[in-house]
Amino acid sequence: MKDRSCVLYGILTMGAWLVFLVVLFGLYLIAEGYPVTYFVDEETGGLISLAFFVAWAAIWYGIGAHYRRVYLVRKDIMRKMYPEMNEKALSKQVLLTILRMG
């Protein structure tokens, strides 16, 4: 199954996580009075810090894309099991099933 929404949801999840990190670290820097360079490693000129940040973003992209695929597969299965269910109720039931199962 190839669906572009998996990419979109991966990007949205990654973006939400990065905004959360920037706000969290920004508030920490402001509260403690540290400069922005506080999070940059001196030995490599920030390369390790940047690599960590990019790796973390890639992980959250994978999480968002994976759970979108899970949602679409389960929705397709439930659509075949209950063809009389309307689209809104089907989407709600699939989401509740995913949230319960973890």
C-alpha atoms as a PDB file:
ATOM      1  CA  MET A   1       0.000   0.000   0.000  1.00  0.00           C
ATOM      2  CA  LYS A   2       1.530   3.287  -1.124  1.00  0.00           C
ATOM      3  CA  ASP A   3      -0.100   6.342   0.398  1.00  0.00           C
ATOM      4  CA  ARG A   4       1.344   9.828   0.483  1.00  0.00           C
ATOM      5  CA  SER A   5      -0.443  10.603   3.726  1.00  0.00           C
ATOM      6  CA  CYS A   6       2.144   8.470   5.548  1.00  0.00           C
ATOM      7  CA  VAL A   7       4.828  10.932   4.484  1.00  0.00           C
ATOM      8  CA  LEU A   8       2.643  13.872   5.493  1.00  0.00           C
ATOM      9  CA  TYR A   9       1.915  12.420   8.922  1.00  0.00           C
ATOM     10  CA  GLY A  10       5.595  11.633   9.386  1.00  0.00           C
ATOM     11  CA  ILE A  11       6.505  15.222   8.588  1.00  0.00           C
ATOM     12  CA  LEU A  12       3.760  16.580  10.865  1.00  0.00           C
ATOM     13  CA  THR A  13       4.889  14.399  13.762  1.00  0.00           C
ATOM     14  CA  MET A  14       8.512  15.358  13.216  1.00  0.00           C
ATOM     15  CA  GLY A  15       7.598  19.044  12.982  1.00  0.00           C
ATOM     16  CA  ALA A  16       5.523  18.950  16.161  1.00  0.00           C
ATOM     17  CA  TRP A  17       8.381  17.255  18.010  1.00  0.00           C
ATOM     18  CA  LEU A  18      10.946  19.777  16.750  1.00  0.00           C
ATOM     19  CA  VAL A  19       8.735  22.724  17.732  1.00  0.00           C
ATOM     20  CA  PHE A  20       8.332  21.162  21.180  1.00  0.00           C
ATOM     21  CA  LEU A  21      12.117  20.784  21.520  1.00  0.00           C
ATOM     22  CA  VAL A  22      12.880  24.313  20.369  1.00  0.00           C
ATOM     23  CA  VAL A  23      10.331  25.775  22.792  1.00  0.00           C
ATOM     24  CA  LEU A  24      11.533  23.569  25.647  1.00  0.00           C
ATOM     25  CA  PHE A  25      15.231  24.293  25.088  1.00  0.00           C
ATOM     26  CA  GLY A  26      14.497  27.983  24.442  1.00  0.00           C
ATOM     27  CA  LEU A  27      12.638  28.307  27.724  1.00  0.00           C
ATOM     28  CA  TYR A  28      15.456  26.499  29.503  1.00  0.00           C
ATOM     29  CA  LEU A  29      18.057  28.835  28.014  1.00  0.00           C
ATOM     30  CA  ILE A  30      16.029  31.901  28.966  1.00  0.00           C
ATOM     31  CA  ALA A  31      15.318  30.660  32.502  1.00  0.00           C
ATOM     32  CA  GLU A  32      18.950  29.731  33.186  1.00  0.00           C
ATOM     33  CA  GLY A  33      20.480  32.654  31.293  1.00  0.00           C
ATOM     34  CA  TYR A  34      22.690  30.492  29.060  1.00  0.00           C
ATOM     35  CA  PRO A  35      23.635  31.448  25.494  1.00  0.00           C
ATOM     36  CA  VAL A  36      22.360  29.414  22.534  1.00  0.00           C
ATOM     37  CA  THR A  37      25.814  27.890  22.124  1.00  0.00           C
ATOM     38  CA  TYR A  38      25.292  26.054  25.424  1.00  0.00           C
ATOM     39  CA  PHE A  39      23.910  23.042  23.492  1.00  0.00           C
ATOM     40  CA  VAL A  40      26.675  23.057  20.861  1.00  0.00           C
ATOM     41  CA  ASP A  41      29.600  20.733  21.514  1.00  0.00           C
ATOM     42  CA  GLU A  42      32.958  22.480  21.240  1.00  0.00           C
ATOM     43  CA  GLU A  43      35.036  19.516  20.062  1.00  0.00           C
ATOM     44  CA  THR A  44      33.336  19.073  16.692  1.00  0.00           C
ATOM     45  CA  GLY A  45      31.941  22.548  16.210  1.00  0.00           C
ATOM     46  CA  GLY A  46      28.364  21.406  16.719  1.00  0.00           C
ATOM     47  CA  LEU A  47      28.455  18.404  14.385  1.00  0.00           C
ATOM     48  CA  ILE A  48      27.525  15.882  17.081  1.00  0.00           C
ATOM     49  CA  SER A  49      24.750  18.130  18.402  1.00  0.00           C
ATOM     50  CA  LEU A  50      23.376  18.555  14.885  1.00  0.00           C
ATOM     51  CA  ALA A  51      23.618  14.811  14.163  1.00  0.00           C
ATOM     52  CA  PHE A  52      21.749  14.032  17.371  1.00  0.00           C
ATOM     53  CA  PHE A  53      19.055  16.566  16.508  1.00  0.00           C
ATOM     54  CA  VAL A  54      18.666  15.157  12.963  1.00  0.00           C
ATOM     55  CA  ALA A  55      18.594  11.561  14.230  1.00  0.00           C
ATOM     56  CA  TRP A  56      15.923  12.464  16.747  1.00  0.00           C
ATOM     57  CA  ALA A  57      13.882  14.141  13.997  1.00  0.00           C
ATOM     58  CA  ALA A  58      14.236  11.058  11.781  1.00  0.00           C
ATOM     59  CA  ILE A  59      13.014   8.815  14.590  1.00  0.00           C
ATOM     60  CA  TRP A  60       9.905  10.942  15.075  1.00  0.00           C
ATOM     61  CA  TYR A  61       9.312  11.004  11.321  1.00  0.00           C
ATOM     62  CA  GLY A  62       9.403   7.196  11.373  1.00  0.00           C
ATOM     63  CA  ILE A  63       6.982   7.047  14.295  1.00  0.00           C
ATOM     64  CA  GLY A  64       4.450   9.287  12.550  1.00  0.00           C
ATOM     65  CA  ALA A  65       4.694   7.478   9.213  1.00  0.00           C
ATOM     66  CA  HIS A  66       4.512   4.044  10.865  1.00  0.00           C
ATOM     67  CA  TYR A  67       1.384   4.792  12.867  1.00  0.00           C
ATOM     68  CA  ARG A  68      -0.309   6.278   9.807  1.00  0.00           C
ATOM     69  CA  ARG A  69       0.367   2.998   7.965  1.00  0.00           C
ATOM     70  CA  VAL A  70      -1.012   1.049  10.933  1.00  0.00           C
ATOM     71  CA  TYR A  71      -4.117   3.236  10.908  1.00  0.00           C
ATOM     72  CA  LEU A  72      -4.691   2.773   7.171  1.00  0.00           C
ATOM     73  CA  VAL A  73      -4.213  -1.009   7.295  1.00  0.00           C
ATOM     74  CA  ARG A  74      -6.568  -1.421  10.251  1.00  0.00           C
ATOM     75  CA  LYS A  75      -9.105   0.867   8.618  1.00  0.00           C
ATOM     76  CA  ASP A  76      -9.005  -1.245   5.465  1.00  0.00           C
ATOM     77  CA  ILE A  77      -9.450  -4.442   7.493  1.00  0.00           C
ATOM     78  CA  MET A  78     -12.390  -2.997   9.442  1.00  0.00           C
ATOM     79  CA  ARG A  79     -13.948  -1.676   6.221  1.00  0.00           C
ATOM     80  CA  LYS A  80     -13.938  -5.238   4.875  1.00  0.00           C
ATOM     81  CA  MET A  81     -15.301  -6.648   8.150  1.00  0.00           C
ATOM     82  CA  TYR A  82     -18.074  -4.047   8.502  1.00  0.00           C
ATOM     83  CA  PRO A  83     -19.034  -2.771   5.028  1.00  0.00           C
ATOM     84  CA  GLU A  84     -22.227  -1.141   6.350  1.00  0.00           C
ATOM     85  CA  MET A  85     -20.347   1.220   8.716  1.00  0.00           C
ATOM     86  CA  ASN A  86     -20.065   4.817   7.505  1.00  0.00           C
ATOM     87  CA  GLU A  87     -16.663   6.489   7.067  1.00  0.00           C
ATOM     88  CA  LYS A  88     -16.800   8.726  10.144  1.00  0.00           C
ATOM     89  CA  ALA A  89     -17.781   5.910  12.504  1.00  0.00           C
ATOM     90  CA  LEU A  90     -15.188   3.638  10.912  1.00  0.00           C
ATOM     91  CA  SER A  91     -12.402   6.181  11.414  1.00  0.00           C
ATOM     92  CA  LYS A  92     -13.422   6.733  15.036  1.00  0.00           C
ATOM     93  CA  GLN A  93     -13.547   2.999  15.776  1.00  0.00           C
ATOM     94  CA  VAL A  94     -10.135   2.366  14.191  1.00  0.00           C
ATOM     95  CA  LEU A  95      -8.584   5.189  16.202  1.00  0.00           C
ATOM     96  CA  LEU A  96     -10.087   3.873  19.433  1.00  0.00           C
ATOM     97  CA  THR A  97      -8.813   0.380  18.635  1.00  0.00           C
ATOM     98  CA  ILE A  98      -5.284   1.664  18.001  1.00  0.00           C
ATOM     99  CA  LEU A  99      -5.268   3.733  21.183  1.00  0.00           C
ATOM    100  CA  ARG A 100      -6.446   0.783  23.279  1.00  0.00           C
ATOM    101  CA  MET A 101      -3.884  -1.625  21.839  1.00  0.00           C
ATOM    102  CA  GLY A 102      -0.944   0.757  22.145  1.00  0.00           C
END
